[in-house]
Amino acid sequence: MQVTRLSSFYDFQYGKGNNNPDNGGQYPVYGSNGIIGWYDKFNSEDAPVIGHIGANCGSVVWAKGKHFVTYNGVICKIKAGCNPRYGYYLLLNSNLKSRFRGAAQPFISYDLLENVIVYNPPKAVQDKIASILSAYDNLIENNNKRIRLLEQMAENLYKEWFAYHRIKDSAKEIRLTEVVSYSRGLSYSSEEIDCEDGNDLINLKNIQAFGGFRLDGTKKYDGLYKEEQIVIEGDLIMGVTDMTQDRRTVGSVALIPNITNLSVISADLIKLKSDIDNVYLYAMFRWGNVSRYISQFANGANVLHLRPQVLKNIKVMLPQKTLIEKYVSTVKPMIETINKLNTENDNLTRQRDLLLPRLMSGKLEVKE
């Protein structure tokens, strides 16, 4: 089997700028883990971005088209004669998250990346392997496009029906705590999540940036819990912690999808309870800028924390019950479809990741 170093596939360089540029330009900005803004300049195109520094160092995402990479990311320049997508799958298979240096501030260095040993088949085999794995990613991307479209429809409908100037004469101003209460999640030790079996622990990683649920963030937990910490399909959760200063998860909300295992929430989350349908509350928090407003009350030097008690001081406009019910009946099927597509994506990702190490090591033979 022919092997080589990653330096045979890529030239690596750190992105530019210590701060995240965002001037509303046409090019997405990538930091250590996905898109963080938009800029009018680009420094990379159709290439992987590796998380360079911080909690997400070693993460790998494929950045489609022209994009800008900040200092928190590593730019990957593919070398001539190599398949770019094959190179991307090499990075995914290299377990870079476990190769970082530094304790207080973990980081990925050039020499570490360049010296990773990888499988180097002929270009024709690279092309075939990339084609096999890309088939899964293409299906995932198509589903993601449908998800984004459905979310945009739900958001547009919320803004059209519930913009302040539209409902101010038929709605009343209330404090959130008049209609919403909450229960806190559980604290856990590293020993209680160091297990393969147990209950599902819904935690901060299950909250997408600025709202929505991520299936791939769930952990296993074998400790004690209280009944009010159990969540089921349709429950509404909110992040009360953020590991960055960008306020991406703190104050953000997610609806629990259809889950098969008993699930409990961690101390990074609270469960919101109300007689008002959670579909409407989810839309109000996420698309009515309530989450963004709440997030400003979080504080902390390295980790942001939000005291749930701040909810008692938040005022919102509550529309008439009939209008809320009409919105829920329209949007709930969209959210159910989104959950199905996310589940399908999770299954596709698992299937791809089962194939990945076998194809990228040469154990599963692919002929030219």
Protein backbone atom coordinates (compact mmCIF):
# COMPACT_ATOMS: atom_id res chain seq x y z
CA MET A 1 0.00 0.00 0.00
CA GLN A 2 1.37 3.39 -1.00
CA VAL A 3 1.42 5.96 1.81
CA THR A 4 2.66 9.51 2.05
CA ARG A 5 2.34 12.60 4.23
CA LEU A 6 -0.43 15.18 4.07
CA SER A 7 2.17 17.65 2.81
CA SER A 8 2.04 15.73 -0.50
CA PHE A 9 -1.59 16.79 -0.89
CA TYR A 10 -1.76 20.24 0.65
CA ASP A 11 0.03 23.47 1.32
CA PHE A 12 -1.31 24.78 4.64
CA GLN A 13 -1.43 28.34 5.85
CA TYR A 14 -3.28 30.10 8.64
CA GLY A 15 -6.15 32.37 7.76
CA LYS A 16 -5.89 36.14 8.16
CA GLY A 17 -6.98 38.55 10.87
CA ASN A 18 -7.45 38.01 14.59
CA ASN A 19 -10.99 39.37 14.46
CA ASN A 20 -13.87 37.99 12.46
CA PRO A 21 -14.47 40.27 9.46
CA ASP A 22 -18.14 40.71 8.66
CA ASN A 23 -19.20 43.61 6.46
CA GLY A 24 -22.15 41.92 4.77
CA GLY A 25 -20.16 41.03 1.66
CA GLN A 26 -20.85 38.23 -0.81
CA TYR A 27 -18.30 35.70 0.49
CA PRO A 28 -18.86 33.49 3.55
CA VAL A 29 -16.35 33.84 6.39
CA TYR A 30 -15.05 30.63 8.01
CA GLY A 31 -13.50 30.49 11.46
CA SER A 32 -12.79 27.38 13.50
CA ASN A 33 -16.13 25.70 12.84
CA GLY A 34 -18.28 26.81 9.93
CA ILE A 35 -19.63 30.11 8.63
CA ILE A 36 -19.42 33.03 11.05
CA GLY A 37 -20.16 36.01 8.77
CA TRP A 38 -19.90 37.52 5.30
CA TYR A 39 -17.06 39.56 3.78
CA ASP A 40 -16.29 41.35 0.51
CA LYS A 41 -12.93 39.58 0.04
CA PHE A 42 -11.92 35.91 -0.29
CA ASN A 43 -8.66 34.02 0.29
CA SER A 44 -9.65 30.43 -0.58
CA GLU A 45 -11.95 28.59 -2.99
CA ASP A 46 -13.61 25.14 -3.01
CA ALA A 47 -11.43 23.71 -0.27
CA PRO A 48 -11.51 22.30 3.27
CA VAL A 49 -11.12 24.60 6.25
CA ILE A 50 -9.51 23.19 9.40
CA GLY A 51 -10.17 24.66 12.83
CA HIS A 52 -6.82 26.15 13.87
CA ILE A 53 -7.24 27.26 17.47
CA GLY A 54 -9.65 26.90 20.38
CA ALA A 55 -12.29 24.34 21.28
CA ASN A 56 -12.93 23.44 17.62
CA CYS A 57 -9.32 23.01 16.54
CA GLY A 58 -8.99 20.01 14.24
CA SER A 59 -12.57 20.26 12.96
CA VAL A 60 -12.88 19.95 9.17
CA VAL A 61 -15.56 21.50 6.95
CA TRP A 62 -15.81 21.73 3.17
CA ALA A 63 -16.13 25.36 2.07
CA LYS A 64 -17.87 25.55 -1.28
CA GLY A 65 -17.00 28.33 -3.71
CA LYS A 66 -14.99 31.43 -2.84
CA HIS A 67 -14.69 32.13 0.88
CA PHE A 68 -12.61 33.97 3.49
CA VAL A 69 -10.75 32.09 6.26
CA THR A 70 -9.89 33.92 9.48
CA TYR A 71 -6.89 33.26 11.73
CA ASN A 72 -9.04 30.73 13.61
CA GLY A 73 -8.98 28.49 10.54
CA VAL A 74 -6.35 26.84 8.33
CA ILE A 75 -6.44 27.38 4.56
CA CYS A 76 -5.84 24.17 2.59
CA LYS A 77 -4.34 24.61 -0.91
CA ILE A 78 -4.58 21.35 -2.87
CA LYS A 79 -1.50 20.42 -4.90
CA ALA A 80 -1.53 19.63 -8.59
CA GLY A 81 -2.40 16.05 -9.49
CA CYS A 82 -4.51 15.43 -6.37
CA ASN A 83 -8.28 15.12 -6.20
CA PRO A 84 -9.55 17.95 -3.93
CA ARG A 85 -12.46 15.95 -2.54
CA TYR A 86 -10.22 12.97 -1.87
CA GLY A 87 -7.93 15.30 0.05
CA TYR A 88 -10.93 16.50 2.07
CA TYR A 89 -11.82 12.93 3.03
CA LEU A 90 -8.20 12.31 4.02
CA LEU A 91 -8.52 15.19 6.49
CA LEU A 92 -11.82 13.86 7.83
CA ASN A 93 -10.24 10.46 8.36
CA SER A 94 -7.11 11.79 10.07
CA ASN A 95 -8.77 12.39 13.45
CA LEU A 96 -7.21 15.85 13.69
CA LYS A 97 -9.24 16.76 16.77
CA SER A 98 -7.08 14.39 18.81
CA ARG A 99 -3.78 15.76 17.46
CA PHE A 100 -3.83 19.25 18.94
CA ARG A 101 -1.17 20.90 21.07
CA GLY A 102 -1.57 23.20 24.04
CA ALA A 103 -3.68 22.79 27.15
CA ALA A 104 -5.21 26.15 28.00
CA GLN A 105 -5.54 27.09 24.31
CA PRO A 106 -5.38 24.04 22.02
CA PHE A 107 -4.14 24.55 18.47
CA ILE A 108 -3.16 22.69 15.30
CA SER A 109 0.30 23.49 13.90
CA TYR A 110 1.69 23.34 10.36
CA ASP A 111 4.25 20.64 11.10
CA LEU A 112 1.61 18.47 12.75
CA LEU A 113 -0.68 18.65 9.70
CA GLU A 114 2.11 18.17 7.19
CA ASN A 115 3.45 15.01 8.83
CA VAL A 116 0.21 13.03 9.16
CA ILE A 117 0.64 9.72 7.28
CA VAL A 118 -2.13 9.04 4.74
CA TYR A 119 -3.08 6.59 1.99
CA ASN A 120 -1.93 7.75 -1.44
CA PRO A 121 -3.45 5.69 -4.27
CA PRO A 122 -3.20 6.59 -7.98
CA LYS A 123 -5.23 9.59 -9.13
CA ALA A 124 -7.83 7.35 -10.83
CA VAL A 125 -8.49 5.56 -7.54
CA GLN A 126 -8.65 8.89 -5.70
CA ASP A 127 -11.32 10.00 -8.17
CA LYS A 128 -13.42 6.86 -7.60
CA ILE A 129 -13.16 7.02 -3.81
CA ALA A 130 -14.10 10.69 -3.86
CA SER A 131 -17.08 9.89 -6.10
CA ILE A 132 -18.35 7.16 -3.75
CA LEU A 133 -18.16 9.33 -0.63
CA SER A 134 -19.38 12.48 -2.39
CA ALA A 135 -22.60 10.68 -3.30
CA TYR A 136 -23.51 10.66 0.39
CA ASP A 137 -22.50 14.29 0.87
CA ASN A 138 -24.50 15.37 -2.18
CA LEU A 139 -27.64 13.79 -0.74
CA ILE A 140 -26.94 15.49 2.58
CA GLU A 141 -26.47 18.86 0.86
CA ASN A 142 -29.73 18.45 -1.08
CA ASN A 143 -31.53 17.76 2.19
CA ASN A 144 -29.85 20.79 3.77
CA LYS A 145 -31.10 22.97 0.92
CA ARG A 146 -34.65 21.76 1.58
CA ILE A 147 -34.20 22.40 5.30
CA ARG A 148 -32.97 25.95 4.67
CA LEU A 149 -35.92 26.59 2.34
CA LEU A 150 -38.47 25.34 4.88
CA GLU A 151 -36.87 27.36 7.67
CA GLN A 152 -36.90 30.46 5.48
CA MET A 153 -40.60 29.93 4.75
CA ALA A 154 -41.39 29.57 8.46
CA GLU A 155 -39.32 32.66 9.28
CA ASN A 156 -40.89 34.77 6.53
CA LEU A 157 -44.36 33.75 7.64
CA TYR A 158 -43.58 34.66 11.24
CA LYS A 159 -42.27 38.09 10.26
CA GLU A 160 -45.19 38.72 7.91
CA TRP A 161 -47.81 37.86 10.52
CA PHE A 162 -46.19 38.98 13.76
CA ALA A 163 -44.06 42.01 12.94
CA TYR A 164 -44.66 44.56 15.67
CA HIS A 165 -46.37 47.12 13.44
CA ARG A 166 -48.82 44.47 12.25
CA ILE A 167 -49.97 43.11 15.62
CA LYS A 168 -49.59 46.04 17.99
CA ASP A 169 -53.32 46.85 17.92
CA SER A 170 -54.43 43.26 18.46
CA ALA A 171 -51.73 42.01 20.85
CA LYS A 172 -50.85 42.70 24.45
CA GLU A 173 -47.46 43.28 26.01
CA ILE A 174 -46.53 40.75 28.69
CA ARG A 175 -43.53 39.56 30.63
CA LEU A 176 -42.21 36.18 29.50
CA THR A 177 -42.60 34.70 32.95
CA GLU A 178 -46.35 35.28 32.73
CA VAL A 179 -46.58 32.53 30.13
CA VAL A 180 -43.25 30.64 30.37
CA SER A 181 -41.58 28.74 33.21
CA TYR A 182 -38.42 26.66 33.09
CA SER A 183 -36.58 23.72 34.62
CA ARG A 184 -32.82 23.40 34.81
CA GLY A 185 -30.71 20.62 33.35
CA LEU A 186 -28.43 18.31 35.31
CA SER A 187 -24.76 18.55 36.16
CA TYR A 188 -22.64 15.52 35.35
CA SER A 189 -19.14 14.18 35.88
CA SER A 190 -16.78 12.94 33.18
CA GLU A 191 -17.22 9.40 34.54
CA GLU A 192 -20.99 9.56 33.97
CA ILE A 193 -20.58 10.28 30.24
CA ASP A 194 -17.66 7.91 29.72
CA CYS A 195 -19.99 5.14 28.57
CA GLU A 196 -21.35 3.55 25.41
CA ASP A 197 -24.78 2.70 26.80
CA GLY A 198 -27.19 4.68 28.90
CA ASN A 199 -29.67 7.49 28.41
CA ASP A 200 -29.22 10.24 25.84
CA LEU A 201 -27.81 13.48 27.23
CA ILE A 202 -29.03 16.53 25.30
CA ASN A 203 -26.37 19.22 25.79
CA LEU A 204 -25.06 22.49 24.39
CA LYS A 205 -23.71 20.76 21.27
CA ASN A 206 -27.30 19.91 20.33
CA ILE A 207 -28.04 23.62 19.88
CA GLN A 208 -27.21 24.95 16.42
CA ALA A 209 -25.73 28.42 16.17
CA PHE A 210 -28.58 30.91 16.67
CA GLY A 211 -31.23 28.21 16.91
CA GLY A 212 -32.24 24.74 15.79
CA PHE A 213 -31.45 21.18 16.87
CA ARG A 214 -28.35 19.11 16.03
CA LEU A 215 -28.71 15.35 16.25
CA ASP A 216 -24.97 14.71 16.22
CA GLY A 217 -24.34 16.51 19.51
CA THR A 218 -25.96 13.91 21.77
CA LYS A 219 -23.88 12.11 24.42
CA LYS A 220 -24.53 9.00 26.51
CA TYR A 221 -25.16 9.38 30.25
CA ASP A 222 -25.49 6.79 32.99
CA GLY A 223 -26.12 9.00 36.03
CA LEU A 224 -29.13 10.14 38.03
CA TYR A 225 -31.75 12.61 36.80
CA LYS A 226 -35.01 14.22 37.85
CA GLU A 227 -38.32 13.85 36.06
CA GLU A 228 -38.38 17.55 35.07
CA GLN A 229 -35.02 17.06 33.29
CA ILE A 230 -36.50 14.54 30.84
CA VAL A 231 -37.33 15.86 27.37
CA ILE A 232 -39.59 14.40 24.70
CA GLU A 233 -40.54 15.28 21.13
CA GLY A 234 -41.85 18.82 20.87
CA ASP A 235 -40.22 20.14 24.05
CA LEU A 236 -38.50 23.52 23.80
CA ILE A 237 -34.97 23.96 25.15
CA MET A 238 -32.69 27.00 25.47
CA GLY A 239 -28.92 27.29 25.78
CA VAL A 240 -27.73 29.15 28.88
CA THR A 241 -23.99 28.78 28.16
CA ASP A 242 -21.71 29.75 25.28
CA MET A 243 -18.11 28.61 24.85
CA THR A 244 -17.34 31.59 22.62
CA GLN A 245 -17.93 35.33 22.84
CA ASP A 246 -20.10 35.28 19.69
CA ARG A 247 -23.30 34.46 21.65
CA ARG A 248 -24.22 31.75 19.15
CA THR A 249 -25.80 29.28 21.55
CA VAL A 250 -26.61 31.26 24.69
CA GLY A 251 -30.26 32.27 24.54
CA SER A 252 -30.79 30.19 21.38
CA VAL A 253 -33.59 27.64 21.29
CA ALA A 254 -34.33 24.26 19.73
CA LEU A 255 -37.32 21.95 19.49
CA ILE A 256 -36.69 18.34 20.50
CA PRO A 257 -37.27 16.07 17.46
CA ASN A 258 -38.56 12.50 17.47
CA ILE A 259 -36.09 10.62 19.72
CA THR A 260 -36.27 6.93 20.53
CA ASN A 261 -34.25 6.82 23.77
CA LEU A 262 -35.00 8.37 27.12
CA SER A 263 -33.33 11.79 26.99
CA VAL A 264 -32.35 14.29 29.66
CA ILE A 265 -30.86 17.78 29.42
CA SER A 266 -27.53 18.99 30.77
CA ALA A 267 -26.92 22.03 32.97
CA ASP A 268 -26.02 24.06 29.86
CA LEU A 269 -29.70 24.02 28.94
CA ILE A 270 -33.10 24.81 30.40
CA LYS A 271 -36.45 23.37 29.36
CA LEU A 272 -39.13 25.98 28.72
CA LYS A 273 -42.72 25.15 29.64
CA SER A 274 -45.85 27.01 28.61
CA ASP A 275 -49.52 26.62 27.69
CA ILE A 276 -48.66 28.39 24.42
CA ASP A 277 -47.68 25.97 21.66
CA ASN A 278 -43.91 25.47 21.53
CA VAL A 279 -43.86 25.87 17.75
CA TYR A 280 -44.92 29.50 18.12
CA LEU A 281 -42.57 30.13 21.05
CA TYR A 282 -39.68 28.62 19.06
CA ALA A 283 -40.41 30.98 16.16
CA MET A 284 -40.79 33.96 18.49
CA PHE A 285 -37.43 33.32 20.17
CA ARG A 286 -35.53 32.46 17.00
CA TRP A 287 -37.05 34.76 14.37
CA GLY A 288 -38.56 37.43 16.56
CA ASN A 289 -35.10 38.42 17.88
CA VAL A 290 -36.02 37.45 21.44
CA SER A 291 -33.09 35.02 21.67
CA ARG A 292 -30.66 37.66 20.40
CA TYR A 293 -31.95 40.13 22.98
CA ILE A 294 -31.74 37.61 25.82
CA SER A 295 -28.18 36.63 24.85
CA GLN A 296 -26.95 40.13 25.69
CA PHE A 297 -27.57 39.43 29.38
CA ALA A 298 -25.02 36.58 29.42
CA ASN A 299 -21.60 37.38 30.85
CA GLY A 300 -18.28 35.74 31.62
CA ALA A 301 -14.61 36.09 30.76
CA ASN A 302 -14.01 32.85 28.85
CA VAL A 303 -17.39 31.11 29.00
CA LEU A 304 -20.64 33.07 28.80
CA HIS A 305 -23.35 32.19 31.33
CA LEU A 306 -26.97 33.30 31.29
CA ARG A 307 -29.00 33.40 34.51
CA PRO A 308 -32.48 32.09 33.59
CA GLN A 309 -33.98 34.59 36.03
CA VAL A 310 -33.48 37.32 33.40
CA LEU A 311 -36.57 35.94 31.63
CA LYS A 312 -38.77 37.67 34.21
CA ASN A 313 -37.66 41.08 32.89
CA ILE A 314 -38.14 40.30 29.19
CA LYS A 315 -41.26 41.79 27.62
CA VAL A 316 -42.85 40.45 24.43
CA MET A 317 -45.97 41.11 22.38
CA LEU A 318 -48.44 38.21 22.62
CA PRO A 319 -50.79 37.97 19.59
CA GLN A 320 -54.33 36.71 19.68
CA LYS A 321 -54.74 32.99 20.31
CA THR A 322 -56.45 32.37 16.96
CA LEU A 323 -53.51 33.85 15.03
CA ILE A 324 -51.02 31.76 17.03
CA GLU A 325 -53.03 28.61 16.31
CA LYS A 326 -53.16 29.44 12.60
CA TYR A 327 -49.39 29.90 12.49
CA VAL A 328 -48.77 26.63 14.35
CA SER A 329 -51.06 24.64 12.05
CA THR A 330 -49.20 26.03 9.02
CA VAL A 331 -45.63 25.70 10.29
CA LYS A 332 -45.78 22.49 12.32
CA PRO A 333 -45.77 20.26 9.18
CA MET A 334 -42.68 22.16 7.98
CA ILE A 335 -40.87 21.46 11.24
CA GLU A 336 -41.85 17.77 11.07
CA THR A 337 -40.37 17.59 7.56
CA ILE A 338 -37.20 19.32 8.78
CA ASN A 339 -36.87 16.73 11.55
CA LYS A 340 -37.26 13.88 9.06
CA LEU A 341 -34.63 15.38 6.77
CA ASN A 342 -32.23 15.86 9.69
CA THR A 343 -32.74 12.22 10.70
CA GLU A 344 -32.06 11.13 7.12
CA ASN A 345 -28.89 13.24 7.09
CA ASP A 346 -27.77 11.67 10.35
CA ASN A 347 -28.19 8.19 8.86
CA LEU A 348 -26.36 9.18 5.66
CA THR A 349 -23.50 10.62 7.70
CA ARG A 350 -23.21 7.41 9.72
CA GLN A 351 -23.13 5.31 6.54
CA ARG A 352 -20.47 7.55 5.00
CA ASP A 353 -18.38 7.49 8.16
CA LEU A 354 -18.49 3.68 8.24
CA LEU A 355 -17.09 3.58 4.71
CA LEU A 356 -14.61 6.41 5.26
CA PRO A 357 -11.83 4.60 7.22
CA ARG A 358 -12.01 1.51 5.02
CA LEU A 359 -11.73 3.48 1.79
CA MET A 360 -9.13 5.93 3.09
CA SER A 361 -6.87 3.16 4.36
CA GLY A 362 -7.02 0.90 1.31
CA LYS A 363 -8.68 -1.92 3.27
CA LEU A 364 -11.66 -1.73 0.93
CA GLU A 365 -10.16 -2.13 -2.50
CA VAL A 366 -11.18 0.24 -5.27
CA LYS A 367 -9.79 -0.56 -8.70
CA GLU A 368 -8.67 2.01 -11.27
